[in-house]
């Protein structure tokens, strides 16, 4: 979290049956809200269960992104920001 510049960077390690250890990042700029609870209603959160987002068009040139990350613990990370970017490393390791 870069509080002074209203930015949040979420670092991820992606894993699937075909591709492993892919480093990815979700970057949000113009952050208006960041909520990271540690209630752990279902135990410790070690992986992401679901990611969803909503785009709210305020004006023609102004949007807000609402990002919701549901962890396996039941905790929901919520971020509202003006810009959202997704990047991942290009050197993928193929398991097939």
N, C-alpha and C. Protein backbone atom coordinates (compact mmCIF):
# COMPACT_ATOMS: atom_id res chain seq x y z
N UNK A 1 0.85 -1.17 0.00
CA UNK A 1 0.00 0.00 0.00
C UNK A 1 0.90 1.24 0.00
N UNK A 2 0.66 2.12 -0.93
CA UNK A 2 1.40 3.38 -1.03
C UNK A 2 0.41 4.49 -0.67
N UNK A 3 0.29 4.75 0.62
CA UNK A 3 -0.73 5.65 1.15
C UNK A 3 -0.61 7.07 0.59
N UNK A 4 0.61 7.56 0.48
CA UNK A 4 0.81 8.94 0.01
C UNK A 4 0.38 9.14 -1.44
N UNK A 5 0.55 8.11 -2.27
CA UNK A 5 0.21 8.21 -3.69
C UNK A 5 -1.11 7.54 -4.04
N UNK A 6 -1.89 7.16 -3.02
CA UNK A 6 -3.21 6.55 -3.23
C UNK A 6 -3.13 5.33 -4.14
N UNK A 7 -2.15 4.46 -3.87
CA UNK A 7 -1.94 3.28 -4.71
C UNK A 7 -1.88 2.01 -3.86
N UNK A 8 -2.35 0.91 -4.45
CA UNK A 8 -2.29 -0.41 -3.82
C UNK A 8 -1.77 -1.38 -4.86
N UNK A 9 -0.78 -2.20 -4.48
CA UNK A 9 -0.23 -3.23 -5.36
C UNK A 9 -0.43 -4.57 -4.67
N UNK A 10 -1.14 -5.46 -5.32
CA UNK A 10 -1.41 -6.79 -4.77
C UNK A 10 -0.60 -7.79 -5.58
N UNK A 11 0.36 -8.44 -4.92
CA UNK A 11 1.23 -9.42 -5.57
C UNK A 11 0.61 -10.80 -5.42
N UNK A 12 0.56 -11.54 -6.53
CA UNK A 12 -0.06 -12.85 -6.55
C UNK A 12 0.90 -13.89 -7.10
N UNK A 13 0.71 -15.13 -6.69
CA UNK A 13 1.39 -16.27 -7.29
C UNK A 13 0.29 -17.18 -7.83
N UNK A 14 0.21 -17.28 -9.16
CA UNK A 14 -0.84 -18.06 -9.80
C UNK A 14 -0.40 -19.51 -9.94
N UNK A 15 -1.35 -20.42 -9.78
CA UNK A 15 -1.05 -21.85 -9.92
C UNK A 15 -2.28 -22.54 -10.50
N UNK A 16 -2.06 -23.38 -11.49
CA UNK A 16 -3.14 -24.14 -12.11
C UNK A 16 -2.56 -25.48 -12.57
N UNK A 17 -3.39 -26.40 -13.04
CA UNK A 17 -2.86 -27.69 -13.51
C UNK A 17 -1.83 -27.56 -14.64
N UNK A 18 -1.93 -26.53 -15.47
CA UNK A 18 -1.02 -26.38 -16.62
C UNK A 18 0.13 -25.42 -16.38
N UNK A 19 -0.06 -24.43 -15.54
CA UNK A 19 0.95 -23.39 -15.34
C UNK A 19 1.19 -23.22 -13.84
N UNK A 20 2.47 -23.17 -13.45
CA UNK A 20 2.74 -23.00 -12.02
C UNK A 20 3.68 -21.83 -11.78
N UNK A 21 3.58 -21.29 -10.58
CA UNK A 21 4.47 -20.23 -10.10
C UNK A 21 4.55 -19.03 -11.03
N UNK A 22 3.41 -18.56 -11.49
CA UNK A 22 3.35 -17.37 -12.33
C UNK A 22 3.16 -16.17 -11.40
N UNK A 23 4.11 -15.24 -11.44
CA UNK A 23 4.00 -14.04 -10.64
C UNK A 23 3.11 -13.04 -11.37
N UNK A 24 2.13 -12.50 -10.65
CA UNK A 24 1.21 -11.52 -11.22
C UNK A 24 1.03 -10.38 -10.22
N UNK A 25 0.49 -9.28 -10.73
CA UNK A 25 0.26 -8.13 -9.86
C UNK A 25 -0.99 -7.40 -10.31
N UNK A 26 -1.82 -7.03 -9.35
CA UNK A 26 -2.95 -6.13 -9.58
C UNK A 26 -2.55 -4.80 -8.95
N UNK A 27 -2.53 -3.74 -9.75
CA UNK A 27 -2.19 -2.41 -9.26
C UNK A 27 -3.40 -1.51 -9.39
N UNK A 28 -3.70 -0.80 -8.32
CA UNK A 28 -4.82 0.12 -8.30
C UNK A 28 -4.31 1.51 -7.94
N UNK A 29 -4.75 2.51 -8.69
CA UNK A 29 -4.32 3.88 -8.48
C UNK A 29 -5.53 4.78 -8.27
N UNK A 30 -5.34 5.86 -7.55
CA UNK A 30 -6.46 6.72 -7.20
C UNK A 30 -7.37 6.01 -6.21
N UNK A 31 -6.77 5.32 -5.25
CA UNK A 31 -7.54 4.51 -4.30
C UNK A 31 -8.39 5.41 -3.41
N UNK A 32 -9.66 5.04 -3.31
CA UNK A 32 -10.63 5.76 -2.47
C UNK A 32 -10.96 4.97 -1.21
N UNK A 33 -10.87 3.63 -1.31
CA UNK A 33 -11.22 2.75 -0.19
C UNK A 33 -10.34 1.52 -0.22
N UNK A 34 -9.85 1.11 0.94
CA UNK A 34 -9.10 -0.14 1.09
C UNK A 34 -9.55 -0.77 2.40
N UNK A 35 -10.11 -1.97 2.31
CA UNK A 35 -10.58 -2.68 3.49
C UNK A 35 -9.97 -4.08 3.47
N UNK A 36 -9.12 -4.37 4.46
CA UNK A 36 -8.45 -5.67 4.54
C UNK A 36 -8.72 -6.26 5.93
N UNK A 37 -9.83 -6.99 6.08
CA UNK A 37 -10.14 -7.58 7.38
C UNK A 37 -9.32 -8.84 7.63
N UNK A 38 -9.14 -9.17 8.89
CA UNK A 38 -8.48 -10.41 9.26
C UNK A 38 -9.37 -11.12 10.28
N UNK A 39 -10.62 -11.34 9.90
CA UNK A 39 -11.58 -12.01 10.79
C UNK A 39 -11.41 -13.52 10.75
N UNK A 40 -11.01 -14.06 9.60
CA UNK A 40 -10.78 -15.49 9.39
C UNK A 40 -11.92 -16.36 9.90
N UNK A 41 -13.17 -16.13 9.44
CA UNK A 41 -14.28 -16.94 9.93
C UNK A 41 -14.14 -18.43 9.60
N UNK A 42 -13.37 -18.77 8.57
CA UNK A 42 -13.20 -20.18 8.18
C UNK A 42 -11.76 -20.64 8.37
N UNK A 43 -10.97 -19.94 9.17
CA UNK A 43 -9.57 -20.29 9.37
C UNK A 43 -8.66 -19.33 8.61
N UNK A 44 -7.38 -19.63 8.60
CA UNK A 44 -6.39 -18.76 7.96
C UNK A 44 -6.57 -18.71 6.44
N UNK A 45 -6.40 -17.53 5.86
CA UNK A 45 -6.50 -17.35 4.41
C UNK A 45 -5.17 -17.59 3.73
N UNK A 46 -5.09 -18.63 2.90
CA UNK A 46 -3.83 -18.92 2.21
C UNK A 46 -3.96 -18.86 0.69
N UNK A 47 -5.19 -18.79 0.18
CA UNK A 47 -5.35 -18.66 -1.27
C UNK A 47 -6.62 -17.89 -1.59
N UNK A 48 -6.70 -17.40 -2.83
CA UNK A 48 -7.86 -16.65 -3.30
C UNK A 48 -8.90 -17.62 -3.82
N UNK A 49 -10.11 -17.46 -3.33
CA UNK A 49 -11.22 -18.28 -3.79
C UNK A 49 -11.90 -17.65 -5.00
N UNK A 50 -12.01 -16.33 -5.00
CA UNK A 50 -12.74 -15.64 -6.08
C UNK A 50 -12.31 -14.18 -6.16
N UNK A 51 -12.23 -13.67 -7.40
CA UNK A 51 -11.98 -12.24 -7.63
C UNK A 51 -13.11 -11.72 -8.51
N UNK A 52 -13.70 -10.61 -8.11
CA UNK A 52 -14.73 -9.99 -8.93
C UNK A 52 -14.52 -8.48 -8.91
N UNK A 53 -15.08 -7.81 -9.92
CA UNK A 53 -14.96 -6.36 -9.95
C UNK A 53 -16.20 -5.76 -10.59
N UNK A 54 -16.40 -4.50 -10.31
CA UNK A 54 -17.52 -3.74 -10.85
C UNK A 54 -16.96 -2.39 -11.29
N UNK A 55 -17.37 -1.94 -12.47
CA UNK A 55 -16.93 -0.64 -12.98
C UNK A 55 -18.12 0.31 -12.95
N UNK A 56 -17.96 1.41 -12.25
CA UNK A 56 -19.02 2.41 -12.16
C UNK A 56 -18.60 3.63 -12.97
N UNK A 57 -19.34 3.90 -14.04
CA UNK A 57 -19.04 5.07 -14.88
C UNK A 57 -19.68 6.30 -14.23
N UNK A 58 -18.85 7.21 -13.77
CA UNK A 58 -19.34 8.43 -13.14
C UNK A 58 -19.60 9.50 -14.19
N UNK A 59 -18.62 9.71 -15.04
CA UNK A 59 -18.75 10.64 -16.17
C UNK A 59 -18.06 9.97 -17.35
N UNK A 60 -18.02 10.62 -18.48
CA UNK A 60 -17.40 10.02 -19.65
C UNK A 60 -15.93 9.68 -19.42
N UNK A 61 -15.21 10.50 -18.70
CA UNK A 61 -13.78 10.29 -18.52
C UNK A 61 -13.43 9.86 -17.10
N UNK A 62 -14.41 9.44 -16.31
CA UNK A 62 -14.16 9.13 -14.91
C UNK A 62 -14.87 7.85 -14.53
N UNK A 63 -14.12 6.87 -14.04
CA UNK A 63 -14.69 5.60 -13.62
C UNK A 63 -14.16 5.23 -12.25
N UNK A 64 -14.91 4.41 -11.54
CA UNK A 64 -14.44 3.83 -10.30
C UNK A 64 -14.49 2.32 -10.44
N UNK A 65 -13.42 1.65 -10.04
CA UNK A 65 -13.36 0.20 -10.05
C UNK A 65 -13.53 -0.29 -8.62
N UNK A 66 -14.47 -1.19 -8.41
CA UNK A 66 -14.64 -1.85 -7.12
C UNK A 66 -14.11 -3.26 -7.28
N UNK A 67 -13.02 -3.58 -6.60
CA UNK A 67 -12.40 -4.90 -6.66
C UNK A 67 -12.70 -5.64 -5.36
N UNK A 68 -13.14 -6.89 -5.49
CA UNK A 68 -13.44 -7.73 -4.33
C UNK A 68 -12.65 -9.02 -4.46
N UNK A 69 -11.85 -9.33 -3.46
CA UNK A 69 -11.06 -10.56 -3.43
C UNK A 69 -11.53 -11.37 -2.23
N UNK A 70 -12.09 -12.55 -2.50
CA UNK A 70 -12.56 -13.44 -1.44
C UNK A 70 -11.50 -14.50 -1.18
N UNK A 71 -10.97 -14.52 0.04
CA UNK A 71 -9.98 -15.51 0.42
C UNK A 71 -10.67 -16.78 0.91
N UNK A 72 -9.95 -17.88 0.94
CA UNK A 72 -10.52 -19.13 1.42
C UNK A 72 -10.90 -19.04 2.90
N UNK A 73 -10.38 -18.06 3.61
CA UNK A 73 -10.70 -17.86 5.02
C UNK A 73 -12.09 -17.26 5.21
N UNK A 74 -12.67 -16.72 4.13
CA UNK A 74 -13.94 -16.02 4.22
C UNK A 74 -13.77 -14.52 4.28
N UNK A 75 -12.54 -14.05 4.47
CA UNK A 75 -12.28 -12.61 4.48
C UNK A 75 -12.42 -12.05 3.07
N UNK A 76 -12.98 -10.84 2.97
CA UNK A 76 -13.13 -10.15 1.69
C UNK A 76 -12.27 -8.89 1.71
N UNK A 77 -11.34 -8.81 0.78
CA UNK A 77 -10.54 -7.61 0.59
C UNK A 77 -11.29 -6.74 -0.41
N UNK A 78 -11.54 -5.49 -0.05
CA UNK A 78 -12.28 -4.57 -0.92
C UNK A 78 -11.41 -3.36 -1.23
N UNK A 79 -11.35 -3.00 -2.52
CA UNK A 79 -10.61 -1.82 -2.95
C UNK A 79 -11.46 -1.07 -3.96
N UNK A 80 -11.59 0.24 -3.78
CA UNK A 80 -12.23 1.11 -4.76
C UNK A 80 -11.18 2.10 -5.24
N UNK A 81 -11.02 2.20 -6.57
CA UNK A 81 -9.97 3.05 -7.13
C UNK A 81 -10.38 3.56 -8.51
N UNK A 82 -9.64 4.57 -9.00
CA UNK A 82 -9.90 5.13 -10.33
C UNK A 82 -9.35 4.26 -11.45
N UNK A 83 -8.21 3.61 -11.22
CA UNK A 83 -7.56 2.81 -12.27
C UNK A 83 -7.14 1.46 -11.73
N UNK A 84 -7.27 0.44 -12.58
CA UNK A 84 -6.88 -0.92 -12.22
C UNK A 84 -6.05 -1.49 -13.36
N UNK A 85 -4.89 -2.08 -13.03
CA UNK A 85 -4.01 -2.70 -14.02
C UNK A 85 -3.64 -4.10 -13.55
N UNK A 86 -3.58 -5.04 -14.51
CA UNK A 86 -3.16 -6.41 -14.21
C UNK A 86 -1.95 -6.73 -15.07
N UNK A 87 -0.89 -7.25 -14.46
CA UNK A 87 0.29 -7.67 -15.20
C UNK A 87 0.75 -9.02 -14.66
N UNK A 88 1.40 -9.80 -15.53
CA UNK A 88 2.00 -11.05 -15.07
C UNK A 88 3.30 -11.28 -15.81
N UNK A 89 4.15 -12.09 -15.20
CA UNK A 89 5.44 -12.40 -15.80
C UNK A 89 5.24 -13.17 -17.09
N UNK A 90 6.11 -12.94 -18.05
CA UNK A 90 5.96 -13.61 -19.35
C UNK A 90 6.64 -14.97 -19.39
N UNK A 91 7.54 -15.25 -18.45
CA UNK A 91 8.24 -16.53 -18.49
C UNK A 91 7.43 -17.59 -17.73
N UNK A 92 6.45 -18.15 -18.42
CA UNK A 92 5.57 -19.14 -17.82
C UNK A 92 6.18 -20.53 -17.92
N UNK A 93 5.99 -21.31 -16.88
CA UNK A 93 6.46 -22.70 -16.88
C UNK A 93 5.27 -23.59 -17.19
N UNK A 94 5.33 -24.30 -18.30
CA UNK A 94 4.23 -25.17 -18.74
C UNK A 94 4.44 -26.57 -18.18
N UNK A 95 3.43 -27.10 -17.47
CA UNK A 95 3.52 -28.43 -16.86
C UNK A 95 3.11 -29.55 -17.80
N UNK A 96 2.49 -29.24 -18.95
CA UNK A 96 1.96 -30.31 -19.80
C UNK A 96 3.03 -31.02 -20.60
